Amino acid sequence: MNKRRISLITLIMFAIMSVGAPVMAGDTTNAVVAEQPQLSLAEAVKLALHNSETLEKARLGTQLADENREDAALMWHPSWTYNAPDGTEGIYSALLATRYAYSAAEKNETITEDTIVTDTIKKYYEVLMASQAVSGKEKNLAAAETAHKIAQLNYQVGLGSWLQAMQAQTNLAAAQAALTAAQNDLAKAYLSLNQQVGLAPESRPELTDQPSYSEYVVDNLTSKVNGIISDSPIRWISREGVKLQNRLVDAPGSTEQDDLEAQQAELDAEAMEKTTANALYNLYYGIKNMETSYAAAQEGLKLARQGVKIAELKQEIGMGTKAEVETAQIALANAEQGLFTLTCQHELLEVAFEKPWTAGVVASSASSASTQQNSGK
């Protein structure tokens, strides 16, 4: 089993359990929110769960459903289960419906918690990726500045053309603009994370955790997919909803329309499970394809590192220039950024595979990361 995946799942469980306690007088949570020079991934998840109005609303929904269930139970006499008097059909239906609604609300709360956790991991990694993109653009700017100086000097002493000097100036302006754009992207990534965890918009906490890569191993894919679907809270809501409708069909006073709606619900549940299974298989093979890309990116990183060493050695012995070293360093920075992005996406896809009800959050991150990676080339 994947060790890194275990750590992420452990993080999720720890954060969900630890955030449940109410904030008491003297609690340090608000102090952490006010000033946070460092922020681990576990701390970010805990703060996000504590800060989420969506989760609070889901919890209130569970409480409300529980009260409705209790009210419905008071209206139903246990002896009626075997010999219900006429006119109690509506009371019985309400009892079944409120029981289901309460359990469904609990499942919805679980879905909300998992989605917040995954979204926080995504936002945390987006800051890390944006920060690395800024570092790469800074190297690009340094190289453009060197090239601009050389082109200007060559033009002044007659060794270069005016067109070459203007092209170098254009490249410098483009590099400056690219760095500004990357810095803006970093600011937006920080803003998104800060909003998620309850920090001030201008906060720039030092993120202390980094993603790590290891191959995702599944011994039996079919068994794994079936297990994930079986444990899915969305499947529970769907299947238990079908059971409820079938029980209502069997109750006195049901109509043909009720029977047709129950049949439709059954078909919807089956279609949802098939769709989820197909999505899980696609996610798994997407993970495997990403691992192939990761291996190729690792080789590219090795070559880029060798390229920097060669360029530096050539400069030391007078056979190379500073500009060549900077060009090699840019190639290295791009290779590092590409590998880092793959590492982040690999981890997020694992989470999406294990908890497919959070896959929508991961999909939006994949699109954003692809844009960042392409802009670094």
Protein backbone atom coordinates (compact mmCIF):
# COMPACT_ATOMS: atom_id res chain seq x y z
CA MET A 1 0.00 0.00 0.00
CA ASN A 2 1.18 3.49 -0.83
CA LYS A 3 2.86 5.01 2.24
CA ARG A 4 2.22 8.61 1.22
CA ARG A 5 -1.44 7.85 0.60
CA ILE A 6 -1.67 6.41 4.12
CA SER A 7 -0.25 9.62 5.53
CA LEU A 8 -2.82 11.72 3.63
CA ILE A 9 -5.69 9.55 4.84
CA THR A 10 -4.33 9.72 8.38
CA LEU A 11 -4.14 13.50 8.02
CA ILE A 12 -7.79 13.61 6.96
CA MET A 13 -8.94 11.49 9.89
CA PHE A 14 -6.87 13.44 12.41
CA ALA A 15 -8.08 16.78 11.15
CA ILE A 16 -11.74 15.75 11.12
CA MET A 17 -11.58 14.31 14.64
CA SER A 18 -9.63 17.18 16.13
CA VAL A 19 -11.82 19.94 14.68
CA GLY A 20 -15.00 18.65 16.24
CA ALA A 21 -14.38 20.15 19.69
CA PRO A 22 -15.92 23.61 20.24
CA VAL A 23 -13.62 26.60 20.72
CA MET A 24 -13.50 27.41 24.44
CA ALA A 25 -12.20 30.43 26.31
CA GLY A 26 -8.45 30.42 26.19
CA ASP A 27 -8.36 28.26 23.05
CA THR A 28 -5.29 29.04 20.93
CA THR A 29 -7.01 28.54 17.58
CA ASN A 30 -7.75 32.26 17.11
CA ALA A 31 -4.17 33.12 18.04
CA VAL A 32 -2.97 30.74 15.34
CA VAL A 33 -5.25 32.40 12.81
CA ALA A 34 -4.06 35.89 13.82
CA GLU A 35 -0.38 35.13 13.35
CA GLN A 36 0.86 32.11 11.42
CA PRO A 37 4.52 32.39 10.32
CA GLN A 38 4.53 28.68 9.44
CA LEU A 39 1.76 26.40 8.26
CA SER A 40 1.88 22.64 7.95
CA LEU A 41 -0.59 20.74 5.79
CA ALA A 42 -2.21 19.17 8.86
CA GLU A 43 -2.64 22.61 10.46
CA ALA A 44 -4.12 23.98 7.24
CA VAL A 45 -6.68 21.16 7.10
CA LYS A 46 -7.63 21.62 10.75
CA LEU A 47 -8.09 25.37 10.31
CA ALA A 48 -10.09 24.90 7.10
CA LEU A 49 -12.50 22.52 8.78
CA HIS A 50 -12.85 24.87 11.73
CA ASN A 51 -13.34 27.88 9.44
CA SER A 52 -15.81 26.33 6.97
CA GLU A 53 -19.31 27.76 6.93
CA THR A 54 -20.30 25.03 4.48
CA LEU A 55 -19.37 22.35 7.00
CA GLU A 56 -21.15 24.21 9.78
CA LYS A 57 -24.26 24.36 7.60
CA ALA A 58 -24.00 20.61 6.93
CA ARG A 59 -23.73 19.93 10.66
CA LEU A 60 -26.76 22.08 11.35
CA GLY A 61 -28.58 20.15 8.66
CA THR A 62 -27.75 16.92 10.47
CA GLN A 63 -29.03 18.35 13.75
CA LEU A 64 -32.24 19.52 12.10
CA ALA A 65 -32.75 16.12 10.47
CA ASP A 66 -32.22 14.45 13.85
CA GLU A 67 -34.88 16.65 15.46
CA ASN A 68 -37.31 15.89 12.63
CA ARG A 69 -36.63 12.19 13.05
CA GLU A 70 -37.35 12.40 16.79
CA ASP A 71 -40.55 14.34 16.19
CA ALA A 72 -41.72 11.75 13.66
CA ALA A 73 -40.91 8.93 16.10
CA LEU A 74 -43.10 10.55 18.77
CA MET A 75 -46.04 10.45 16.36
CA TRP A 76 -45.67 6.71 15.77
CA HIS A 77 -46.63 4.07 18.32
CA PRO A 78 -44.40 0.95 18.24
CA SER A 79 -47.42 -1.36 18.33
CA TRP A 80 -48.59 0.11 15.03
CA THR A 81 -45.68 -1.57 13.27
CA TYR A 82 -47.66 -4.84 13.25
CA ASN A 83 -51.23 -3.56 13.32
CA ALA A 84 -51.47 0.03 12.14
CA PRO A 85 -54.88 1.65 12.44
CA ASP A 86 -56.43 3.33 9.44
CA GLY A 87 -55.20 6.82 8.71
CA THR A 88 -51.64 6.28 9.99
CA GLU A 89 -50.08 5.74 6.57
CA GLY A 90 -48.81 9.32 6.41
CA ILE A 91 -47.30 9.07 9.88
CA TYR A 92 -45.48 5.87 8.90
CA SER A 93 -44.19 7.38 5.68
CA ALA A 94 -42.93 10.44 7.58
CA LEU A 95 -41.17 8.16 10.07
CA LEU A 96 -39.33 6.29 7.30
CA ALA A 97 -38.52 9.50 5.41
CA THR A 98 -37.09 11.31 8.44
CA ARG A 99 -34.97 8.31 9.41
CA TYR A 100 -33.52 8.26 5.92
CA ALA A 101 -33.07 12.04 5.86
CA TYR A 102 -31.09 11.95 9.09
CA SER A 103 -28.70 9.23 7.86
CA ALA A 104 -28.39 10.98 4.50
CA ALA A 105 -27.51 14.23 6.29
CA GLU A 106 -24.74 12.40 8.15
CA LYS A 107 -23.39 11.09 4.84
CA ASN A 108 -23.59 14.57 3.35
CA GLU A 109 -21.58 15.88 6.28
CA THR A 110 -18.91 13.28 5.53
CA ILE A 111 -18.87 14.30 1.85
CA THR A 112 -18.52 17.95 2.86
CA GLU A 113 -15.63 17.19 5.23
CA ASP A 114 -13.78 15.13 2.62
CA THR A 115 -14.29 17.80 -0.03
CA ILE A 116 -12.94 20.54 2.26
CA VAL A 117 -9.91 18.44 3.14
CA THR A 118 -9.14 17.70 -0.51
CA ASP A 119 -9.71 21.33 -1.50
CA THR A 120 -7.32 22.46 1.24
CA ILE A 121 -4.63 20.04 0.07
CA LYS A 122 -5.16 21.34 -3.46
CA LYS A 123 -4.88 24.99 -2.40
CA TYR A 124 -1.81 24.27 -0.26
CA TYR A 125 -0.07 22.61 -3.20
CA GLU A 126 -1.13 25.40 -5.56
CA VAL A 127 0.77 27.88 -3.39
CA LEU A 128 3.82 25.62 -3.51
CA MET A 129 3.58 25.29 -7.29
CA ALA A 130 3.05 29.02 -7.77
CA SER A 131 6.03 29.76 -5.54
CA GLN A 132 8.24 27.49 -7.61
CA ALA A 133 6.95 29.16 -10.78
CA VAL A 134 8.05 32.56 -9.40
CA SER A 135 11.50 31.14 -8.72
CA GLY A 136 11.73 29.94 -12.31
CA LYS A 137 10.63 33.30 -13.71
CA GLU A 138 13.24 35.03 -11.56
CA LYS A 139 15.91 32.89 -13.20
CA ASN A 140 14.44 33.73 -16.61
CA LEU A 141 14.64 37.44 -15.78
CA ALA A 142 18.23 37.16 -14.57
CA ALA A 143 19.19 35.49 -17.85
CA ALA A 144 17.30 38.11 -19.88
CA GLU A 145 19.08 40.90 -18.00
CA THR A 146 22.47 39.34 -18.76
CA ALA A 147 21.58 38.89 -22.42
CA HIS A 148 20.35 42.48 -22.60
CA LYS A 149 23.58 43.84 -21.13
CA ILE A 150 25.68 41.80 -23.55
CA ALA A 151 23.57 42.86 -26.54
CA GLN A 152 23.82 46.54 -25.55
CA LEU A 153 27.61 46.34 -25.09
CA ASN A 154 28.06 44.52 -28.38
CA TYR A 155 25.98 47.16 -30.16
CA GLN A 156 27.96 49.99 -28.59
CA VAL A 157 31.32 48.56 -29.69
CA GLY A 158 30.10 47.52 -33.12
CA LEU A 159 29.97 43.77 -32.52
CA GLY A 160 26.21 43.53 -32.62
CA SER A 161 23.35 45.01 -34.56
CA TRP A 162 20.68 47.43 -33.45
CA LEU A 163 18.08 44.73 -34.19
CA GLN A 164 19.83 42.32 -31.80
CA ALA A 165 19.89 44.97 -29.08
CA MET A 166 16.18 45.70 -29.57
CA GLN A 167 15.33 41.99 -29.51
CA ALA A 168 17.20 41.60 -26.24
CA GLN A 169 15.30 44.56 -24.81
CA THR A 170 12.00 43.02 -25.93
CA ASN A 171 12.96 39.70 -24.33
CA LEU A 172 13.83 41.52 -21.10
CA ALA A 173 10.44 43.25 -21.02
CA ALA A 174 8.71 39.90 -21.66
CA ALA A 175 10.66 38.27 -18.83
CA GLN A 176 9.73 41.11 -16.48
CA ALA A 177 6.06 40.75 -17.45
CA ALA A 178 6.18 36.97 -16.98
CA LEU A 179 7.67 37.39 -13.50
CA THR A 180 4.97 39.91 -12.58
CA ALA A 181 2.28 37.50 -13.81
CA ALA A 182 3.81 34.64 -11.79
CA GLN A 183 3.95 36.85 -8.69
CA ASN A 184 0.28 37.73 -9.20
CA ASP A 185 -0.56 34.04 -9.53
CA LEU A 186 1.27 33.38 -6.26
CA ALA A 187 -0.66 36.19 -4.57
CA LYS A 188 -3.94 34.72 -5.82
CA ALA A 189 -2.94 31.23 -4.65
CA TYR A 190 -2.10 32.60 -1.21
CA LEU A 191 -5.39 34.51 -1.10
CA SER A 192 -7.32 31.35 -1.92
CA LEU A 193 -5.50 29.34 0.75
CA ASN A 194 -5.86 32.13 3.32
CA GLN A 195 -9.60 32.33 2.72
CA GLN A 196 -9.82 28.56 3.11
CA VAL A 197 -8.03 28.44 6.47
CA GLY A 198 -9.16 31.77 7.90
CA LEU A 199 -5.95 33.78 7.63
CA ALA A 200 -5.78 37.46 6.75
CA PRO A 201 -5.73 38.06 2.96
CA GLU A 202 -2.22 39.57 3.10
CA SER A 203 -0.73 36.69 5.12
CA ARG A 204 2.17 34.82 3.58
CA PRO A 205 2.76 31.82 5.87
CA GLU A 206 5.75 29.61 5.22
CA LEU A 207 4.40 26.26 4.05
CA THR A 208 6.43 23.58 5.82
CA ASP A 209 5.23 20.43 4.02
CA GLN A 210 6.19 19.23 0.57
CA PRO A 211 4.56 16.53 -1.56
CA SER A 212 6.42 13.28 -2.04
CA TYR A 213 6.16 10.69 -4.77
CA SER A 214 5.80 6.93 -4.63
CA GLU A 215 4.20 4.51 -7.04
CA TYR A 216 0.52 3.86 -6.42
CA VAL A 217 0.07 0.10 -6.08
CA VAL A 218 -3.25 -1.72 -6.31
CA ASP A 219 -3.17 -5.51 -6.05
CA ASN A 220 -6.61 -6.15 -7.57
CA LEU A 221 -8.10 -3.23 -9.46
CA THR A 222 -11.62 -4.65 -9.83
CA SER A 223 -11.81 -5.47 -6.13
CA LYS A 224 -10.46 -2.04 -5.24
CA VAL A 225 -13.00 -0.24 -7.44
CA ASN A 226 -15.88 -2.30 -6.06
CA GLY A 227 -14.75 -1.57 -2.51
CA ILE A 228 -14.56 2.17 -3.09
CA ILE A 229 -18.03 2.22 -4.64
CA SER A 230 -19.42 0.09 -1.80
CA ASP A 231 -18.04 2.52 0.81
CA SER A 232 -19.14 5.64 -1.07
CA PRO A 233 -21.49 7.91 0.91
CA ILE A 234 -23.07 8.97 -2.37
CA ARG A 235 -23.89 5.36 -3.17
CA TRP A 236 -25.37 4.93 0.31
CA ILE A 237 -27.64 7.93 -0.20
CA SER A 238 -28.74 6.59 -3.57
CA ARG A 239 -29.28 2.98 -2.55
CA GLU A 240 -30.99 3.75 0.74
CA GLY A 241 -33.21 6.19 -1.12
CA VAL A 242 -34.27 3.33 -3.38
CA LYS A 243 -35.00 1.13 -0.37
CA LEU A 244 -37.10 3.90 1.14
CA GLN A 245 -39.14 4.31 -2.01
CA ASN A 246 -39.70 0.56 -2.27
CA ARG A 247 -40.93 0.45 1.32
CA LEU A 248 -43.29 3.32 0.63
CA VAL A 249 -44.59 1.46 -2.43
CA ASP A 250 -45.42 -1.50 -0.20
CA ALA A 251 -47.17 0.72 2.33
CA PRO A 252 -50.95 1.20 2.27
CA GLY A 253 -52.10 4.10 0.17
CA SER A 254 -49.27 3.95 -2.39
CA THR A 255 -50.03 4.68 -6.02
CA GLU A 256 -48.83 3.46 -9.39
CA GLN A 257 -46.87 6.68 -9.69
CA ASP A 258 -44.96 5.76 -6.51
CA ASP A 259 -44.04 2.41 -8.06
CA LEU A 260 -42.81 4.04 -11.26
CA GLU A 261 -40.72 6.54 -9.29
CA ALA A 262 -39.17 3.67 -7.32
CA GLN A 263 -38.23 1.90 -10.55
CA GLN A 264 -36.67 5.10 -11.88
CA ALA A 265 -34.68 5.53 -8.67
CA GLU A 266 -33.36 1.98 -9.01
CA LEU A 267 -32.20 2.64 -12.56
CA ASP A 268 -30.60 5.93 -11.51
CA ALA A 269 -28.69 4.18 -8.72
CA GLU A 270 -27.40 1.52 -11.08
CA ALA A 271 -26.36 4.12 -13.65
CA MET A 272 -24.56 6.15 -10.99
CA GLU A 273 -22.56 3.11 -9.88
CA LYS A 274 -21.57 2.27 -13.45
CA THR A 275 -20.55 5.87 -14.09
CA THR A 276 -18.51 5.92 -10.89
CA ALA A 277 -16.81 2.65 -11.79
CA ASN A 278 -15.84 3.97 -15.23
CA ALA A 279 -14.53 7.17 -13.65
CA LEU A 280 -12.45 5.19 -11.15
CA TYR A 281 -10.88 3.05 -13.87
CA ASN A 282 -10.06 6.22 -15.82
CA LEU A 283 -8.57 7.82 -12.70
CA TYR A 284 -6.44 4.76 -12.02
CA TYR A 285 -5.03 4.63 -15.54
CA GLY A 286 -4.54 8.39 -15.38
CA ILE A 287 -2.39 7.81 -12.29
CA LYS A 288 -0.42 5.12 -14.12
CA ASN A 289 0.11 7.41 -17.14
CA MET A 290 1.28 10.14 -14.78
CA GLU A 291 3.80 7.73 -13.27
CA THR A 292 5.19 7.09 -16.75
CA SER A 293 5.47 10.85 -17.28
CA TYR A 294 7.14 11.16 -13.88
CA ALA A 295 9.83 8.66 -14.85
CA ALA A 296 10.53 10.59 -18.05
CA ALA A 297 10.59 13.88 -16.12
CA GLN A 298 13.11 12.42 -13.68
CA GLU A 299 15.43 11.60 -16.57
CA GLY A 300 14.94 15.11 -17.93
CA LEU A 301 15.86 16.53 -14.53
CA LYS A 302 19.06 14.47 -14.45
CA LEU A 303 20.05 15.79 -17.87
CA ALA A 304 19.26 19.37 -16.83
CA ARG A 305 21.46 19.04 -13.75
CA GLN A 306 24.29 17.67 -15.88
CA GLY A 307 23.77 20.57 -18.27
CA VAL A 308 24.28 23.09 -15.43
CA LYS A 309 27.45 21.32 -14.27
CA ILE A 310 28.87 21.29 -17.79
CA ALA A 311 28.02 24.97 -18.37
CA GLU A 312 29.61 25.97 -15.04
CA LEU A 313 32.73 23.94 -15.78
CA LYS A 314 33.07 25.49 -19.24
CA GLN A 315 32.76 28.94 -17.70
CA GLU A 316 35.45 28.16 -15.12
CA ILE A 317 37.96 27.14 -17.80
CA GLY A 318 37.10 30.07 -20.08
CA MET A 319 35.23 28.09 -22.70
CA GLY A 320 31.74 29.19 -21.70
CA THR A 321 29.87 32.31 -20.66
CA LYS A 322 27.65 33.42 -17.80
CA ALA A 323 24.74 33.55 -20.23
CA GLU A 324 25.20 29.87 -21.05
CA VAL A 325 25.20 29.01 -17.35
CA GLU A 326 22.00 30.97 -16.82
CA THR A 327 20.36 29.27 -19.80
CA ALA A 328 21.24 25.89 -18.30
CA GLN A 329 19.87 27.01 -14.94
CA ILE A 330 16.59 28.00 -16.60
CA ALA A 331 16.33 24.54 -18.14
CA LEU A 332 16.96 23.03 -14.71
CA ALA A 333 14.32 25.25 -13.07
CA ASN A 334 11.75 24.26 -15.73
CA ALA A 335 12.57 20.57 -15.22
CA GLU A 336 12.22 20.92 -11.45
CA GLN A 337 8.92 22.74 -11.81
CA GLY A 338 7.54 20.09 -14.17
CA LEU A 339 8.52 17.27 -11.83
CA PHE A 340 7.10 19.08 -8.82
CA THR A 341 3.78 19.67 -10.59
CA LEU A 342 3.57 15.98 -11.48
CA THR A 343 4.25 15.07 -7.85
CA CYS A 344 1.43 17.30 -6.61
CA GLN A 345 -1.01 16.06 -9.22
CA HIS A 346 -0.10 12.43 -8.54
CA GLU A 347 -1.00 12.82 -4.87
CA LEU A 348 -4.25 14.62 -5.64
CA LEU A 349 -5.30 11.95 -8.14
CA GLU A 350 -4.70 9.31 -5.48
CA VAL A 351 -7.06 11.16 -3.14
CA ALA A 352 -9.63 11.48 -5.93
CA PHE A 353 -9.38 7.75 -6.62
CA GLU A 354 -9.83 6.81 -2.96
CA LYS A 355 -12.65 9.36 -2.47
CA PRO A 356 -14.23 9.92 -5.90
CA TRP A 357 -16.86 12.27 -4.44
CA THR A 358 -14.01 14.83 -4.20
CA ALA A 359 -12.82 14.34 -7.79
CA GLY A 360 -14.39 17.60 -8.98
CA VAL A 361 -12.06 19.58 -6.72
CA VAL A 362 -9.02 17.73 -8.07
CA ALA A 363 -10.10 18.23 -11.69
CA SER A 364 -10.07 22.02 -11.28
CA SER A 365 -6.57 21.79 -9.79
CA ALA A 366 -5.30 19.68 -12.69
CA SER A 367 -6.42 22.34 -15.17
CA SER A 368 -4.72 25.10 -13.17
CA ALA A 369 -1.50 23.15 -12.76
CA SER A 370 -1.37 22.35 -16.47
CA THR A 371 -1.60 26.06 -17.25
CA GLN A 372 1.23 26.85 -14.81
CA GLN A 373 3.42 24.10 -16.21
CA ASN A 374 2.90 25.20 -19.81
CA SER A 375 3.69 28.82 -18.89
CA GLY A 376 7.04 27.72 -17.50
CA LYS A 377 8.26 26.35 -20.80
